[in-house]
Amino acid sequence: MKKTAKVVAAIIENENEEILCALRSPEMSLPNLWEFPGGKVEEGEDIYAALAREIEEEMHCKIETEELFNENVHEYEAFIINLIAIKCKVVEGTPVNSEHSKLIWLKRENLNSLKWAPADIPAVEQLVNEL
């Protein structure tokens, strides 16, 4: 039986209405695909606390979580991911790239120009359809 991972992802929008996109590094699973930054929820951890912790660890900034945006389950070859996307904003610092290959800010209408990790696609489509 495949292992299921509960993962949170940050939909971070800046004052220019651009959304933060992160390119997975060649060393990560699903290399060179784009995703919304975040990570695994630890045992007994609240999803909002998990997201704030992951963003602080990975991007050295503090966020304020706002609302649950999208949740879906995606089955990959080796594991299943329950991806919970949460809208949030940066309240302290600026996102710094420490684990990903690249970070970029993109307008909603340009999100489809990137090659996304499959589990992130439902959230991307929902963002594009919000226009």
N, C-alpha and C. Protein backbone atom coordinates (compact mmCIF):
# COMPACT_ATOMS: atom_id res chain seq x y z
N MET A 1 0.83 -1.19 0.00
CA MET A 1 0.00 0.00 0.00
C MET A 1 0.88 1.25 0.00
N LYS A 2 0.48 2.23 -0.80
CA LYS A 2 1.26 3.46 -0.91
C LYS A 2 1.09 4.32 0.33
N LYS A 3 2.17 5.02 0.67
CA LYS A 3 2.14 5.94 1.81
C LYS A 3 1.44 7.22 1.37
N THR A 4 0.60 7.77 2.26
CA THR A 4 -0.07 9.04 1.99
C THR A 4 0.59 10.13 2.81
N ALA A 5 0.92 11.23 2.14
CA ALA A 5 1.53 12.38 2.81
C ALA A 5 0.54 13.52 2.81
N LYS A 6 0.37 14.15 3.98
CA LYS A 6 -0.46 15.35 4.09
C LYS A 6 0.47 16.55 3.94
N VAL A 7 0.25 17.33 2.91
CA VAL A 7 1.15 18.42 2.57
C VAL A 7 0.37 19.73 2.45
N VAL A 8 0.97 20.80 2.98
CA VAL A 8 0.37 22.13 2.86
C VAL A 8 1.17 22.95 1.85
N ALA A 9 0.45 23.80 1.11
CA ALA A 9 1.09 24.65 0.11
C ALA A 9 0.59 26.08 0.27
N ALA A 10 1.50 27.03 0.15
CA ALA A 10 1.17 28.45 0.34
C ALA A 10 0.84 29.12 -0.99
N ILE A 11 -0.34 29.70 -1.05
CA ILE A 11 -0.70 30.56 -2.18
C ILE A 11 -0.41 31.98 -1.66
N ILE A 12 0.80 32.46 -1.96
CA ILE A 12 1.24 33.77 -1.46
C ILE A 12 1.08 34.80 -2.58
N GLU A 13 0.27 35.81 -2.30
CA GLU A 13 0.05 36.86 -3.29
C GLU A 13 0.68 38.15 -2.78
N ASN A 14 1.36 38.88 -3.68
CA ASN A 14 1.97 40.14 -3.27
C ASN A 14 1.05 41.32 -3.60
N GLU A 15 1.53 42.53 -3.31
CA GLU A 15 0.72 43.73 -3.53
C GLU A 15 0.44 44.00 -5.01
N ASN A 16 1.20 43.36 -5.90
CA ASN A 16 0.98 43.52 -7.35
C ASN A 16 0.06 42.43 -7.90
N GLU A 17 -0.58 41.68 -7.00
CA GLU A 17 -1.47 40.57 -7.37
C GLU A 17 -0.72 39.48 -8.14
N GLU A 18 0.55 39.29 -7.77
CA GLU A 18 1.34 38.19 -8.35
C GLU A 18 1.45 37.08 -7.31
N ILE A 19 1.57 35.85 -7.79
CA ILE A 19 1.61 34.68 -6.91
C ILE A 19 3.00 34.06 -6.94
N LEU A 20 3.49 33.68 -5.75
CA LEU A 20 4.82 33.09 -5.63
C LEU A 20 4.82 31.64 -6.12
N CYS A 21 5.72 31.36 -7.06
CA CYS A 21 5.87 30.02 -7.64
C CYS A 21 7.31 29.55 -7.38
N ALA A 22 7.45 28.27 -7.04
CA ALA A 22 8.77 27.73 -6.70
C ALA A 22 9.10 26.54 -7.60
N LEU A 23 10.31 26.56 -8.15
CA LEU A 23 10.78 25.48 -9.02
C LEU A 23 11.52 24.45 -8.18
N ARG A 24 11.03 23.20 -8.22
CA ARG A 24 11.67 22.12 -7.46
C ARG A 24 13.07 21.87 -8.02
N SER A 25 14.03 21.68 -7.13
CA SER A 25 15.42 21.49 -7.55
C SER A 25 15.62 20.09 -8.13
N PRO A 26 16.71 19.89 -8.89
CA PRO A 26 16.99 18.57 -9.46
C PRO A 26 17.16 17.47 -8.40
N GLU A 27 17.49 17.85 -7.16
CA GLU A 27 17.70 16.86 -6.10
C GLU A 27 16.39 16.42 -5.45
N MET A 28 15.32 17.17 -5.65
CA MET A 28 14.03 16.84 -5.02
C MET A 28 13.30 15.77 -5.82
N SER A 29 12.32 15.12 -5.17
CA SER A 29 11.44 14.26 -5.96
C SER A 29 10.64 15.20 -6.86
N LEU A 30 10.16 14.72 -7.97
CA LEU A 30 9.49 15.56 -8.97
C LEU A 30 10.37 16.74 -9.36
N PRO A 31 11.61 16.48 -9.78
CA PRO A 31 12.55 17.56 -10.09
C PRO A 31 12.09 18.45 -11.24
N ASN A 32 12.46 19.71 -11.15
CA ASN A 32 12.25 20.69 -12.22
C ASN A 32 10.78 20.94 -12.57
N LEU A 33 9.89 20.67 -11.61
CA LEU A 33 8.49 21.02 -11.78
C LEU A 33 8.18 22.17 -10.82
N TRP A 34 7.21 22.99 -11.18
CA TRP A 34 6.83 24.13 -10.36
C TRP A 34 5.81 23.70 -9.32
N GLU A 35 5.83 24.39 -8.18
CA GLU A 35 4.89 24.10 -7.11
C GLU A 35 4.66 25.37 -6.30
N PHE A 36 3.64 25.29 -5.44
CA PHE A 36 3.47 26.33 -4.44
C PHE A 36 4.28 25.87 -3.24
N PRO A 37 5.09 26.76 -2.63
CA PRO A 37 5.97 26.34 -1.55
C PRO A 37 5.20 25.85 -0.33
N GLY A 38 5.81 24.96 0.42
CA GLY A 38 5.19 24.41 1.61
C GLY A 38 5.90 23.15 2.04
N GLY A 39 5.16 22.21 2.60
CA GLY A 39 5.79 20.96 3.01
C GLY A 39 4.85 20.08 3.82
N LYS A 40 5.42 19.02 4.36
CA LYS A 40 4.64 18.02 5.09
C LYS A 40 4.13 18.55 6.44
N VAL A 41 2.93 18.09 6.78
CA VAL A 41 2.35 18.39 8.08
C VAL A 41 2.85 17.32 9.05
N GLU A 42 3.45 17.75 10.16
CA GLU A 42 3.96 16.80 11.16
C GLU A 42 2.80 16.22 11.97
N GLU A 43 3.03 15.07 12.56
CA GLU A 43 2.05 14.39 13.41
C GLU A 43 1.50 15.36 14.46
N GLY A 44 0.18 15.48 14.53
CA GLY A 44 -0.47 16.32 15.54
C GLY A 44 -0.38 17.82 15.28
N GLU A 45 0.14 18.21 14.13
CA GLU A 45 0.32 19.64 13.82
C GLU A 45 -0.89 20.19 13.07
N ASP A 46 -1.29 21.38 13.40
CA ASP A 46 -2.36 22.10 12.71
C ASP A 46 -1.85 22.51 11.32
N ILE A 47 -2.70 22.46 10.29
CA ILE A 47 -2.26 22.76 8.92
C ILE A 47 -1.72 24.19 8.78
N TYR A 48 -2.33 25.13 9.49
CA TYR A 48 -1.89 26.53 9.38
C TYR A 48 -0.53 26.72 10.05
N ALA A 49 -0.35 26.08 11.20
CA ALA A 49 0.94 26.15 11.90
C ALA A 49 2.02 25.46 11.07
N ALA A 50 1.67 24.35 10.43
CA ALA A 50 2.63 23.61 9.59
C ALA A 50 3.09 24.49 8.43
N LEU A 51 2.16 25.19 7.81
CA LEU A 51 2.52 26.03 6.67
C LEU A 51 3.41 27.19 7.10
N ALA A 52 3.07 27.83 8.21
CA ALA A 52 3.89 28.93 8.72
C ALA A 52 5.30 28.44 9.03
N ARG A 53 5.42 27.25 9.65
CA ARG A 53 6.72 26.68 9.99
C ARG A 53 7.53 26.37 8.73
N GLU A 54 6.89 25.71 7.77
CA GLU A 54 7.59 25.34 6.52
C GLU A 54 8.10 26.57 5.77
N ILE A 55 7.28 27.61 5.66
CA ILE A 55 7.70 28.81 4.93
C ILE A 55 8.83 29.51 5.67
N GLU A 56 8.76 29.53 6.99
CA GLU A 56 9.84 30.16 7.75
C GLU A 56 11.14 29.37 7.57
N GLU A 57 11.05 28.03 7.60
CA GLU A 57 12.24 27.18 7.43
C GLU A 57 12.82 27.30 6.02
N GLU A 58 11.96 27.23 5.01
CA GLU A 58 12.40 27.19 3.61
C GLU A 58 12.72 28.56 3.02
N MET A 59 11.97 29.58 3.42
CA MET A 59 12.07 30.87 2.75
C MET A 59 12.45 32.02 3.67
N HIS A 60 12.68 31.71 4.93
CA HIS A 60 13.17 32.70 5.90
C HIS A 60 12.32 33.96 5.97
N CYS A 61 11.00 33.78 5.93
CA CYS A 61 10.07 34.90 6.12
C CYS A 61 8.86 34.40 6.89
N LYS A 62 8.10 35.32 7.42
CA LYS A 62 6.90 34.95 8.18
C LYS A 62 5.66 35.26 7.34
N ILE A 63 4.69 34.33 7.41
CA ILE A 63 3.43 34.52 6.70
C ILE A 63 2.27 34.54 7.69
N GLU A 64 1.18 35.08 7.21
CA GLU A 64 -0.09 35.03 7.94
C GLU A 64 -1.03 34.23 7.06
N THR A 65 -1.56 33.13 7.59
CA THR A 65 -2.48 32.32 6.81
C THR A 65 -3.85 32.98 6.80
N GLU A 66 -4.53 32.88 5.68
CA GLU A 66 -5.82 33.56 5.54
C GLU A 66 -6.97 32.57 5.41
N GLU A 67 -6.99 31.76 4.35
CA GLU A 67 -8.11 30.85 4.16
C GLU A 67 -7.69 29.61 3.38
N LEU A 68 -8.39 28.52 3.67
CA LEU A 68 -8.20 27.29 2.91
C LEU A 68 -8.66 27.58 1.49
N PHE A 69 -7.84 27.26 0.51
CA PHE A 69 -8.15 27.62 -0.87
C PHE A 69 -8.55 26.42 -1.71
N ASN A 70 -7.79 25.33 -1.60
CA ASN A 70 -8.03 24.16 -2.44
C ASN A 70 -7.46 22.94 -1.72
N GLU A 71 -8.17 21.82 -1.83
CA GLU A 71 -7.65 20.58 -1.28
C GLU A 71 -7.93 19.47 -2.29
N ASN A 72 -6.90 18.68 -2.56
CA ASN A 72 -7.11 17.54 -3.46
C ASN A 72 -6.14 16.42 -3.10
N VAL A 73 -6.49 15.24 -3.57
CA VAL A 73 -5.65 14.06 -3.36
C VAL A 73 -5.14 13.63 -4.73
N HIS A 74 -3.82 13.46 -4.83
CA HIS A 74 -3.22 13.04 -6.10
C HIS A 74 -2.36 11.80 -5.85
N GLU A 75 -2.54 10.81 -6.70
CA GLU A 75 -1.77 9.58 -6.56
C GLU A 75 -0.62 9.59 -7.56
N TYR A 76 0.60 9.59 -7.01
CA TYR A 76 1.80 9.47 -7.83
C TYR A 76 2.17 7.99 -7.90
N GLU A 77 3.21 7.67 -8.65
CA GLU A 77 3.63 6.28 -8.79
C GLU A 77 4.03 5.67 -7.45
N ALA A 78 4.77 6.42 -6.63
CA ALA A 78 5.32 5.86 -5.39
C ALA A 78 4.55 6.23 -4.12
N PHE A 79 3.71 7.27 -4.18
CA PHE A 79 3.01 7.73 -2.97
C PHE A 79 1.75 8.50 -3.34
N ILE A 80 0.95 8.80 -2.32
CA ILE A 80 -0.28 9.58 -2.49
C ILE A 80 -0.10 10.87 -1.70
N ILE A 81 -0.51 11.97 -2.28
CA ILE A 81 -0.37 13.26 -1.60
C ILE A 81 -1.75 13.89 -1.40
N ASN A 82 -2.01 14.31 -0.18
CA ASN A 82 -3.20 15.09 0.13
C ASN A 82 -2.70 16.53 0.24
N LEU A 83 -2.90 17.31 -0.83
CA LEU A 83 -2.35 18.66 -0.90
C LEU A 83 -3.41 19.69 -0.49
N ILE A 84 -3.08 20.46 0.53
CA ILE A 84 -3.99 21.49 1.05
C ILE A 84 -3.36 22.85 0.76
N ALA A 85 -3.96 23.59 -0.17
CA ALA A 85 -3.44 24.91 -0.54
C ALA A 85 -4.17 25.97 0.30
N ILE A 86 -3.37 26.87 0.89
CA ILE A 86 -3.90 27.89 1.78
C ILE A 86 -3.44 29.26 1.31
N LYS A 87 -4.38 30.19 1.18
CA LYS A 87 -4.01 31.55 0.82
C LYS A 87 -3.35 32.22 2.02
N CYS A 88 -2.29 32.96 1.75
CA CYS A 88 -1.59 33.65 2.82
C CYS A 88 -0.84 34.85 2.27
N LYS A 89 -0.30 35.64 3.21
CA LYS A 89 0.49 36.79 2.78
C LYS A 89 1.73 36.89 3.66
N VAL A 90 2.77 37.48 3.10
CA VAL A 90 4.02 37.68 3.84
C VAL A 90 3.80 38.85 4.79
N VAL A 91 4.14 38.65 6.07
CA VAL A 91 3.98 39.73 7.05
C VAL A 91 5.32 40.20 7.61
N GLU A 92 6.39 39.43 7.34
CA GLU A 92 7.72 39.84 7.81
C GLU A 92 8.77 39.22 6.91
N GLY A 93 9.67 40.07 6.40
CA GLY A 93 10.75 39.58 5.54
C GLY A 93 10.29 39.44 4.09
N THR A 94 11.17 38.87 3.28
CA THR A 94 10.92 38.62 1.87
C THR A 94 11.29 37.17 1.61
N PRO A 95 10.47 36.42 0.84
CA PRO A 95 10.82 35.02 0.57
C PRO A 95 12.21 34.91 -0.07
N VAL A 96 13.03 34.04 0.51
CA VAL A 96 14.39 33.79 0.04
C VAL A 96 14.46 32.35 -0.44
N ASN A 97 15.11 32.15 -1.56
CA ASN A 97 15.24 30.81 -2.10
C ASN A 97 16.36 30.05 -1.42
N SER A 98 16.01 29.00 -0.65
CA SER A 98 17.06 28.20 -0.02
C SER A 98 17.01 26.74 -0.42
N GLU A 99 15.83 26.25 -0.83
CA GLU A 99 15.71 24.83 -1.18
C GLU A 99 15.35 24.61 -2.65
N HIS A 100 14.65 25.55 -3.24
CA HIS A 100 14.21 25.40 -4.63
C HIS A 100 15.28 25.93 -5.59
N SER A 101 15.13 25.59 -6.86
CA SER A 101 16.06 26.11 -7.88
C SER A 101 15.79 27.57 -8.16
N LYS A 102 14.52 27.97 -8.06
CA LYS A 102 14.16 29.32 -8.45
C LYS A 102 12.82 29.70 -7.82
N LEU A 103 12.66 30.98 -7.51
CA LEU A 103 11.37 31.54 -7.07
C LEU A 103 11.00 32.66 -8.04
N ILE A 104 9.75 32.69 -8.46
CA ILE A 104 9.29 33.79 -9.31
C ILE A 104 7.89 34.22 -8.87
N TRP A 105 7.55 35.47 -9.17
CA TRP A 105 6.21 36.00 -8.93
C TRP A 105 5.54 36.10 -10.29
N LEU A 106 4.34 35.52 -10.41
CA LEU A 106 3.61 35.53 -11.68
C LEU A 106 2.17 35.98 -11.49
N LYS A 107 1.66 36.68 -12.50
CA LYS A 107 0.24 37.04 -12.52
C LYS A 107 -0.56 35.75 -12.76
N ARG A 108 -1.80 35.73 -12.24
CA ARG A 108 -2.67 34.55 -12.40
C ARG A 108 -2.76 34.08 -13.85
N GLU A 109 -2.93 35.05 -14.76
CA GLU A 109 -3.14 34.67 -16.16
C GLU A 109 -1.91 34.01 -16.79
N ASN A 110 -0.75 34.11 -16.13
CA ASN A 110 0.47 33.50 -16.68
C ASN A 110 0.85 32.19 -15.99
N LEU A 111 0.08 31.77 -14.99
CA LEU A 111 0.44 30.55 -14.25
C LEU A 111 0.51 29.31 -15.13
N ASN A 112 -0.37 29.24 -16.13
CA ASN A 112 -0.38 28.06 -17.01
C ASN A 112 0.85 27.96 -17.91
N SER A 113 1.70 28.97 -17.91
CA SER A 113 2.90 28.93 -18.75
C SER A 113 3.98 28.03 -18.13
N LEU A 114 3.80 27.65 -16.86
CA LEU A 114 4.79 26.81 -16.16
C LEU A 114 4.38 25.34 -16.20
N LYS A 115 5.37 24.46 -16.05
CA LYS A 115 5.10 23.01 -15.96
C LYS A 115 4.99 22.66 -14.47
N TRP A 116 3.76 22.47 -14.00
CA TRP A 116 3.46 22.28 -12.59
C TRP A 116 3.52 20.81 -12.17
N ALA A 117 3.85 20.59 -10.90
CA ALA A 117 3.72 19.26 -10.31
C ALA A 117 2.24 18.90 -10.37
N PRO A 118 1.89 17.66 -10.74
CA PRO A 118 0.48 17.30 -10.92
C PRO A 118 -0.43 17.63 -9.75
N ALA A 119 0.02 17.46 -8.52
CA ALA A 119 -0.84 17.72 -7.36
C ALA A 119 -1.19 19.20 -7.22
N ASP A 120 -0.37 20.09 -7.78
CA ASP A 120 -0.61 21.54 -7.68
C ASP A 120 -1.57 22.06 -8.76
N ILE A 121 -1.79 21.27 -9.79
CA ILE A 121 -2.58 21.75 -10.94
C ILE A 121 -4.01 22.17 -10.57
N PRO A 122 -4.75 21.43 -9.73
CA PRO A 122 -6.10 21.91 -9.38
C PRO A 122 -6.10 23.31 -8.75
N ALA A 123 -5.13 23.61 -7.90
CA ALA A 123 -5.05 24.95 -7.30
C ALA A 123 -4.70 25.99 -8.36
N VAL A 124 -3.80 25.65 -9.28
CA VAL A 124 -3.44 26.56 -10.38
C VAL A 124 -4.69 26.89 -11.19
N GLU A 125 -5.45 25.85 -11.57
CA GLU A 125 -6.65 26.06 -12.37
C GLU A 125 -7.67 26.92 -11.63
N GLN A 126 -7.82 26.70 -10.33
CA GLN A 126 -8.75 27.49 -9.54
C GLN A 126 -8.30 28.96 -9.49
N LEU A 127 -7.01 29.20 -9.34
CA LEU A 127 -6.49 30.58 -9.33
C LEU A 127 -6.74 31.27 -10.67
N VAL A 128 -6.45 30.57 -11.77
CA VAL A 128 -6.65 31.14 -13.10
C VAL A 128 -8.13 31.44 -13.34
N ASN A 129 -9.00 30.55 -12.86
CA ASN A 129 -10.44 30.75 -13.05
C ASN A 129 -11.03 31.83 -12.16
N GLU A 130 -10.29 32.29 -11.16
CA GLU A 130 -10.76 33.38 -10.30
C GLU A 130 -10.74 34.73 -11.01
N LEU A 131 -10.03 34.80 -12.12
CA LEU A 131 -9.89 36.08 -12.85
C LEU A 131 -11.24 36.68 -13.21
